Amino acid sequence: VAFRGIAEGVENSNFVLRTAHNEAQRDFI
């Protein structure tokens, strides 16, 4: 559903993922 980078942190590349499954949305890293 959505995907964006996270500006904080210094070691790795991090993103927030939002997905939809059976109309329910969830966020992941």
PDB file of all heavy atoms in Angstrom:
ATOM      1  N   VAL A   1       0.836  -1.203   0.000  1.00  0.00           N
ATOM      2  CA  VAL A   1       0.000   0.000   0.000  1.00  0.00           C
ATOM      3  C   VAL A   1       0.871   1.254   0.000  1.00  0.00           C
ATOM      4  O   VAL A   1       0.594   2.215  -0.718  1.00  0.00           O
ATOM      5  CB  VAL A   1      -0.942   0.007   1.222  1.00  0.00           C
ATOM      6  CG1 VAL A   1      -1.701   1.327   1.313  1.00  0.00           C
ATOM      7  CG2 VAL A   1      -1.903  -1.165   1.166  1.00  0.00           C
ATOM      8  N   ALA A   2       1.933   1.259   0.818  1.00  0.00           N
ATOM      9  CA  ALA A   2       2.809   2.433   0.906  1.00  0.00           C
ATOM     10  C   ALA A   2       4.211   1.979   1.292  1.00  0.00           C
ATOM     11  O   ALA A   2       4.388   0.914   1.911  1.00  0.00           O
ATOM     12  CB  ALA A   2       2.269   3.430   1.925  1.00  0.00           C
ATOM     13  N   PHE A   3       5.189   2.823   0.938  1.00  0.00           N
ATOM     14  CA  PHE A   3       6.590   2.475   1.154  1.00  0.00           C
ATOM     15  C   PHE A   3       7.376   3.772   1.268  1.00  0.00           C
ATOM     16  O   PHE A   3       7.289   4.633   0.397  1.00  0.00           O
ATOM     17  CB  PHE A   3       7.089   1.652  -0.035  1.00  0.00           C
ATOM     18  CG  PHE A   3       8.542   1.255   0.015  1.00  0.00           C
ATOM     19  CD1 PHE A   3       9.002   0.385   0.992  1.00  0.00           C
ATOM     20  CD2 PHE A   3       9.444   1.728  -0.929  1.00  0.00           C
ATOM     21  CE1 PHE A   3      10.340  -0.009   1.022  1.00  0.00           C
ATOM     22  CE2 PHE A   3      10.770   1.348  -0.909  1.00  0.00           C
ATOM     23  CZ  PHE A   3      11.218   0.478   0.081  1.00  0.00           C
ATOM     24  N   ARG A   4       8.117   3.935   2.366  1.00  0.00           N
ATOM     25  CA  ARG A   4       8.917   5.160   2.526  1.00  0.00           C
ATOM     26  C   ARG A   4      10.176   4.869   3.330  1.00  0.00           C
ATOM     27  O   ARG A   4      10.199   3.995   4.192  1.00  0.00           O
ATOM     28  CB  ARG A   4       8.109   6.267   3.211  1.00  0.00           C
ATOM     29  CG  ARG A   4       7.683   5.950   4.638  1.00  0.00           C
ATOM     30  CD  ARG A   4       6.962   7.114   5.291  1.00  0.00           C
ATOM     31  NE  ARG A   4       6.468   6.775   6.609  1.00  0.00           N
ATOM     32  CZ  ARG A   4       7.209   6.814   7.725  1.00  0.00           C
ATOM     33  NH1 ARG A   4       8.488   7.168   7.663  1.00  0.00           N
ATOM     34  NH2 ARG A   4       6.675   6.503   8.896  1.00  0.00           N
ATOM     35  N   GLY A   5      11.227   5.617   3.060  1.00  0.00           N
ATOM     36  CA  GLY A   5      12.464   5.488   3.806  1.00  0.00           C
ATOM     37  C   GLY A   5      12.377   6.148   5.170  1.00  0.00           C
ATOM     38  O   GLY A   5      11.594   7.087   5.374  1.00  0.00           O
ATOM     39  N   ILE A   6      13.187   5.670   6.096  1.00  0.00           N
ATOM     40  CA  ILE A   6      13.286   6.235   7.442  1.00  0.00           C
ATOM     41  C   ILE A   6      14.616   6.970   7.530  1.00  0.00           C
ATOM     42  O   ILE A   6      15.680   6.384   7.310  1.00  0.00           O
ATOM     43  CB  ILE A   6      13.202   5.140   8.520  1.00  0.00           C
ATOM     44  CG1 ILE A   6      11.884   4.376   8.398  1.00  0.00           C
ATOM     45  CG2 ILE A   6      13.347   5.734   9.912  1.00  0.00           C
ATOM     46  CD1 ILE A   6      11.794   3.184   9.340  1.00  0.00           C
ATOM     47  N   ALA A   7      14.567   8.255   7.871  1.00  0.00           N
ATOM     48  CA  ALA A   7      15.769   9.079   7.850  1.00  0.00           C
ATOM     49  C   ALA A   7      16.666   8.861   9.050  1.00  0.00           C
ATOM     50  O   ALA A   7      17.838   9.215   9.024  1.00  0.00           O
ATOM     51  CB  ALA A   7      15.391  10.561   7.763  1.00  0.00           C
ATOM     52  N   GLU A   8      16.148   8.287  10.151  1.00  0.00           N
ATOM     53  CA  GLU A   8      16.944   8.140  11.361  1.00  0.00           C
ATOM     54  C   GLU A   8      17.769   6.857  11.305  1.00  0.00           C
ATOM     55  O   GLU A   8      17.445   5.911  10.604  1.00  0.00           O
ATOM     56  CB  GLU A   8      16.039   8.135  12.593  1.00  0.00           C
ATOM     57  CG  GLU A   8      15.341   9.480  12.791  1.00  0.00           C
ATOM     58  CD  GLU A   8      14.251   9.412  13.835  1.00  0.00           C
ATOM     59  OE1 GLU A   8      13.809   8.307  14.181  1.00  0.00           O
ATOM     60  OE2 GLU A   8      13.838  10.484  14.295  1.00  0.00           O
ATOM     61  N   GLY A   9      18.828   6.833  12.117  1.00  0.00           N
ATOM     62  CA  GLY A   9      19.719   5.689  12.156  1.00  0.00           C
ATOM     63  C   GLY A   9      20.976   5.950  11.348  1.00  0.00           C
ATOM     64  O   GLY A   9      21.029   6.869  10.529  1.00  0.00           O
ATOM     65  N   VAL A  10      22.015   5.153  11.584  1.00  0.00           N
ATOM     66  CA  VAL A  10      23.286   5.391  10.901  1.00  0.00           C
ATOM     67  C   VAL A  10      23.885   4.140  10.278  1.00  0.00           C
ATOM     68  O   VAL A  10      24.845   4.234   9.525  1.00  0.00           O
ATOM     69  CB  VAL A  10      24.326   6.004  11.877  1.00  0.00           C
ATOM     70  CG1 VAL A  10      23.870   7.362  12.360  1.00  0.00           C
ATOM     71  CG2 VAL A  10      24.587   5.078  13.055  1.00  0.00           C
ATOM     72  N   GLU A  11      23.373   2.966  10.560  1.00  0.00           N
ATOM     73  CA  GLU A  11      24.042   1.734  10.145  1.00  0.00           C
ATOM     74  C   GLU A  11      23.436   1.099   8.906  1.00  0.00           C
ATOM     75  O   GLU A  11      24.157   0.596   8.048  1.00  0.00           O
ATOM     76  CB  GLU A  11      24.025   0.715  11.294  1.00  0.00           C
ATOM     77  CG  GLU A  11      24.848   1.127  12.496  1.00  0.00           C
ATOM     78  CD  GLU A  11      26.335   1.210  12.191  1.00  0.00           C
ATOM     79  OE1 GLU A  11      26.834   0.411  11.372  1.00  0.00           O
ATOM     80  OE2 GLU A  11      27.007   2.078  12.757  1.00  0.00           O
ATOM     81  N   ASN A  12      22.114   1.060   8.810  1.00  0.00           N
ATOM     82  CA  ASN A  12      21.434   0.292   7.766  1.00  0.00           C
ATOM     83  C   ASN A  12      20.424   1.159   7.036  1.00  0.00           C
ATOM     84  O   ASN A  12      20.107   2.275   7.459  1.00  0.00           O
ATOM     85  CB  ASN A  12      20.728  -0.923   8.385  1.00  0.00           C
ATOM     86  CG  ASN A  12      21.699  -1.825   9.115  1.00  0.00           C
ATOM     87  OD1 ASN A  12      22.706  -2.246   8.557  1.00  0.00           O
ATOM     88  ND2 ASN A  12      21.418  -2.125  10.374  1.00  0.00           N
ATOM     89  N   SER A  13      19.895   0.637   5.931  1.00  0.00           N
ATOM     90  CA  SER A  13      18.810   1.299   5.215  1.00  0.00           C
ATOM     91  C   SER A  13      17.487   0.739   5.720  1.00  0.00           C
ATOM     92  O   SER A  13      17.267  -0.479   5.694  1.00  0.00           O
ATOM     93  CB  SER A  13      18.938   1.055   3.706  1.00  0.00           C
ATOM     94  OG  SER A  13      20.117   1.636   3.203  1.00  0.00           O
ATOM     95  N   ASN A  14      16.609   1.623   6.181  1.00  0.00           N
ATOM     96  CA  ASN A  14      15.348   1.211   6.792  1.00  0.00           C
ATOM     97  C   ASN A  14      14.168   1.869   6.091  1.00  0.00           C
ATOM     98  O   ASN A  14      14.232   3.046   5.706  1.00  0.00           O
ATOM     99  CB  ASN A  14      15.336   1.592   8.279  1.00  0.00           C
ATOM    100  CG  ASN A  14      16.381   0.839   9.072  1.00  0.00           C
ATOM    101  OD1 ASN A  14      16.244  -0.345   9.305  1.00  0.00           O
ATOM    102  ND2 ASN A  14      17.436   1.530   9.473  1.00  0.00           N
ATOM    103  N   PHE A  15      13.103   1.100   5.947  1.00  0.00           N
ATOM    104  CA  PHE A  15      11.901   1.561   5.279  1.00  0.00           C
ATOM    105  C   PHE A  15      10.674   1.099   6.058  1.00  0.00           C
ATOM    106  O   PHE A  15      10.693   0.024   6.683  1.00  0.00           O
ATOM    107  CB  PHE A  15      11.813   0.990   3.857  1.00  0.00           C
ATOM    108  CG  PHE A  15      13.030   1.242   3.004  1.00  0.00           C
ATOM    109  CD1 PHE A  15      14.119   0.380   3.059  1.00  0.00           C
ATOM    110  CD2 PHE A  15      13.091   2.333   2.152  1.00  0.00           C
ATOM    111  CE1 PHE A  15      15.241   0.597   2.277  1.00  0.00           C
ATOM    112  CE2 PHE A  15      14.211   2.552   1.363  1.00  0.00           C
ATOM    113  CZ  PHE A  15      15.294   1.693   1.425  1.00  0.00           C
ATOM    114  N   VAL A  16       9.619   1.902   6.002  1.00  0.00           N
ATOM    115  CA  VAL A  16       8.322   1.472   6.512  1.00  0.00           C
ATOM    116  C   VAL A  16       7.506   0.928   5.343  1.00  0.00           C
ATOM    117  O   VAL A  16       7.362   1.595   4.308  1.00  0.00           O
ATOM    118  CB  VAL A  16       7.556   2.626   7.179  1.00  0.00           C
ATOM    119  CG1 VAL A  16       6.163   2.172   7.608  1.00  0.00           C
ATOM    120  CG2 VAL A  16       8.322   3.144   8.386  1.00  0.00           C
ATOM    121  N   LEU A  17       7.004  -0.285   5.527  1.00  0.00           N
ATOM    122  CA  LEU A  17       6.105  -0.920   4.563  1.00  0.00           C
ATOM    123  C   LEU A  17       4.694  -0.916   5.125  1.00  0.00           C
ATOM    124  O   LEU A  17       4.492  -1.250   6.304  1.00  0.00           O
ATOM    125  CB  LEU A  17       6.493  -2.380   4.336  1.00  0.00           C
ATOM    126  CG  LEU A  17       7.775  -2.754   3.618  1.00  0.00           C
ATOM    127  CD1 LEU A  17       7.976  -4.261   3.751  1.00  0.00           C
ATOM    128  CD2 LEU A  17       7.687  -2.358   2.163  1.00  0.00           C
ATOM    129  N   ARG A  18       3.738  -0.572   4.311  1.00  0.00           N
ATOM    130  CA  ARG A  18       2.332  -0.782   4.691  1.00  0.00           C
ATOM    131  C   ARG A  18       1.723  -1.734   3.673  1.00  0.00           C
ATOM    132  O   ARG A  18       1.797  -1.490   2.461  1.00  0.00           O
ATOM    133  CB  ARG A  18       1.560   0.530   4.731  1.00  0.00           C
ATOM    134  CG  ARG A  18       0.070   0.349   5.057  1.00  0.00           C
ATOM    135  CD  ARG A  18      -0.572   1.653   5.440  1.00  0.00           C
ATOM    136  NE  ARG A  18      -0.054   2.108   6.730  1.00  0.00           N
ATOM    137  CZ  ARG A  18      -0.392   3.269   7.311  1.00  0.00           C
ATOM    138  NH1 ARG A  18      -1.235   4.078   6.703  1.00  0.00           N
ATOM    139  NH2 ARG A  18       0.117   3.597   8.473  1.00  0.00           N
ATOM    140  N   THR A  19       1.138  -2.804   4.169  1.00  0.00           N
ATOM    141  CA  THR A  19       0.528  -3.797   3.288  1.00  0.00           C
ATOM    142  C   THR A  19      -0.940  -3.977   3.660  1.00  0.00           C
ATOM    143  O   THR A  19      -1.380  -3.601   4.759  1.00  0.00           O
ATOM    144  CB  THR A  19       1.243  -5.156   3.393  1.00  0.00           C
ATOM    145  OG1 THR A  19       1.058  -5.686   4.714  1.00  0.00           O
ATOM    146  CG2 THR A  19       2.726  -5.001   3.105  1.00  0.00           C
ATOM    147  N   ALA A  20      -1.687  -4.536   2.740  1.00  0.00           N
ATOM    148  CA  ALA A  20      -3.105  -4.815   2.968  1.00  0.00           C
ATOM    149  C   ALA A  20      -3.365  -6.278   2.688  1.00  0.00           C
ATOM    150  O   ALA A  20      -2.947  -6.808   1.646  1.00  0.00           O
ATOM    151  CB  ALA A  20      -3.976  -3.943   2.071  1.00  0.00           C
ATOM    152  N   HIS A  21      -4.058  -6.937   3.609  1.00  0.00           N
ATOM    153  CA  HIS A  21      -4.414  -8.343   3.469  1.00  0.00           C
ATOM    154  C   HIS A  21      -5.842  -8.511   3.953  1.00  0.00           C
ATOM    155  O   HIS A  21      -6.143  -8.232   5.121  1.00  0.00           O
ATOM    156  CB  HIS A  21      -3.464  -9.214   4.293  1.00  0.00           C
ATOM    157  CG  HIS A  21      -3.695 -10.683   4.142  1.00  0.00           C
ATOM    158  ND1 HIS A  21      -3.475 -11.340   2.952  1.00  0.00           N
ATOM    159  CD2 HIS A  21      -4.128 -11.615   5.030  1.00  0.00           C
ATOM    160  CE1 HIS A  21      -3.747 -12.619   3.110  1.00  0.00           C
ATOM    161  NE2 HIS A  21      -4.155 -12.808   4.361  1.00  0.00           N
ATOM    162  N   ASN A  22      -6.737  -8.936   3.061  1.00  0.00           N
ATOM    163  CA  ASN A  22      -8.169  -9.061   3.404  1.00  0.00           C
ATOM    164  C   ASN A  22      -8.710  -7.760   3.987  1.00  0.00           C
ATOM    165  O   ASN A  22      -9.397  -7.739   5.019  1.00  0.00           O
ATOM    166  CB  ASN A  22      -8.384 -10.208   4.388  1.00  0.00           C
ATOM    167  CG  ASN A  22      -8.074 -11.555   3.780  1.00  0.00           C
ATOM    168  OD1 ASN A  22      -8.194 -11.751   2.572  1.00  0.00           O
ATOM    169  ND2 ASN A  22      -7.635 -12.491   4.618  1.00  0.00           N
ATOM    170  N   GLU A  23      -8.350  -6.639   3.340  1.00  0.00           N
ATOM    171  CA  GLU A  23      -8.802  -5.287   3.690  1.00  0.00           C
ATOM    172  C   GLU A  23      -8.207  -4.760   4.996  1.00  0.00           C
ATOM    173  O   GLU A  23      -8.465  -3.618   5.376  1.00  0.00           O
ATOM    174  CB  GLU A  23     -10.338  -5.217   3.760  1.00  0.00           C
ATOM    175  CG  GLU A  23     -11.016  -5.558   2.439  1.00  0.00           C
ATOM    176  CD  GLU A  23     -12.513  -5.360   2.504  1.00  0.00           C
ATOM    177  OE1 GLU A  23     -13.022  -5.007   3.591  1.00  0.00           O
ATOM    178  OE2 GLU A  23     -13.167  -5.545   1.455  1.00  0.00           O
ATOM    179  N   ALA A  24      -7.407  -5.546   5.683  1.00  0.00           N
ATOM    180  CA  ALA A  24      -6.745  -5.074   6.904  1.00  0.00           C
ATOM    181  C   ALA A  24      -5.333  -4.602   6.552  1.00  0.00           C
ATOM    182  O   ALA A  24      -4.588  -5.324   5.887  1.00  0.00           O
ATOM    183  CB  ALA A  24      -6.690  -6.183   7.950  1.00  0.00           C
ATOM    184  N   GLN A  25      -4.983  -3.401   6.994  1.00  0.00           N
ATOM    185  CA  GLN A  25      -3.666  -2.852   6.709  1.00  0.00           C
ATOM    186  C   GLN A  25      -2.742  -3.031   7.905  1.00  0.00           C
ATOM    187  O   GLN A  25      -3.167  -2.904   9.059  1.00  0.00           O
ATOM    188  CB  GLN A  25      -3.770  -1.367   6.347  1.00  0.00           C
ATOM    189  CG  GLN A  25      -4.523  -1.114   5.049  1.00  0.00           C
ATOM    190  CD  GLN A  25      -4.412   0.323   4.573  1.00  0.00           C
ATOM    191  OE1 GLN A  25      -3.746   1.152   5.185  1.00  0.00           O
ATOM    192  NE2 GLN A  25      -5.071   0.627   3.459  1.00  0.00           N
ATOM    193  N   ARG A  26      -1.466  -3.329   7.612  1.00  0.00           N
ATOM    194  CA  ARG A  26      -0.465  -3.503   8.665  1.00  0.00           C
ATOM    195  C   ARG A  26       0.832  -2.838   8.233  1.00  0.00           C
ATOM    196  O   ARG A  26       1.140  -2.777   7.051  1.00  0.00           O
ATOM    197  CB  ARG A  26      -0.194  -4.991   8.933  1.00  0.00           C
ATOM    198  CG  ARG A  26      -1.354  -5.773   9.511  1.00  0.00           C
ATOM    199  CD  ARG A  26      -0.952  -7.215   9.704  1.00  0.00           C
ATOM    200  NE  ARG A  26       0.136  -7.343  10.684  1.00  0.00           N
ATOM    201  CZ  ARG A  26       0.820  -8.475  10.878  1.00  0.00           C
ATOM    202  NH1 ARG A  26       0.550  -9.545  10.148  1.00  0.00           N
ATOM    203  NH2 ARG A  26       1.781  -8.514  11.779  1.00  0.00           N
ATOM    204  N   ASP A  27       1.574  -2.361   9.223  1.00  0.00           N
ATOM    205  CA  ASP A  27       2.875  -1.760   8.966  1.00  0.00           C
ATOM    206  C   ASP A  27       3.986  -2.718   9.368  1.00  0.00           C
ATOM    207  O   ASP A  27       3.868  -3.452  10.360  1.00  0.00           O
ATOM    208  CB  ASP A  27       3.032  -0.448   9.741  1.00  0.00           C
ATOM    209  CG  ASP A  27       2.176   0.672   9.189  1.00  0.00           C
ATOM    210  OD1 ASP A  27       1.831   0.621   7.994  1.00  0.00           O
ATOM    211  OD2 ASP A  27       1.846   1.595   9.955  1.00  0.00           O
ATOM    212  N   PHE A  28       5.080  -2.667   8.609  1.00  0.00           N
ATOM    213  CA  PHE A  28       6.274  -3.460   8.884  1.00  0.00           C
ATOM    214  C   PHE A  28       7.497  -2.583   8.657  1.00  0.00           C
ATOM    215  O   PHE A  28       7.413  -1.517   8.051  1.00  0.00           O
ATOM    216  CB  PHE A  28       6.356  -4.681   7.949  1.00  0.00           C
ATOM    217  CG  PHE A  28       5.219  -5.642   8.060  1.00  0.00           C
ATOM    218  CD1 PHE A  28       4.080  -5.492   7.270  1.00  0.00           C
ATOM    219  CD2 PHE A  28       5.274  -6.701   8.949  1.00  0.00           C
ATOM    220  CE1 PHE A  28       3.022  -6.380   7.374  1.00  0.00           C
ATOM    221  CE2 PHE A  28       4.227  -7.607   9.059  1.00  0.00           C
ATOM    222  CZ  PHE A  28       3.098  -7.446   8.266  1.00  0.00           C
ATOM    223  N   ILE A  29       8.638  -3.051   9.122  1.00  0.00           N
ATOM    224  CA  ILE A  29       9.922  -2.411   8.837  1.00  0.00           C
ATOM    225  C   ILE A  29      10.724  -3.332   7.925  1.00  0.00           C
ATOM    226  O   ILE A  29      10.899  -4.514   8.219  1.00  0.00           O
ATOM    227  CB  ILE A  29      10.729  -2.136  10.118  1.00  0.00           C
ATOM    228  CG1 ILE A  29       9.959  -1.196  11.045  1.00  0.00           C
ATOM    229  CG2 ILE A  29      12.099  -1.561   9.776  1.00  0.00           C
ATOM    230  CD1 ILE A  29       9.762   0.202  10.494  1.00  0.00           C
TER     231      ILE A  29
END
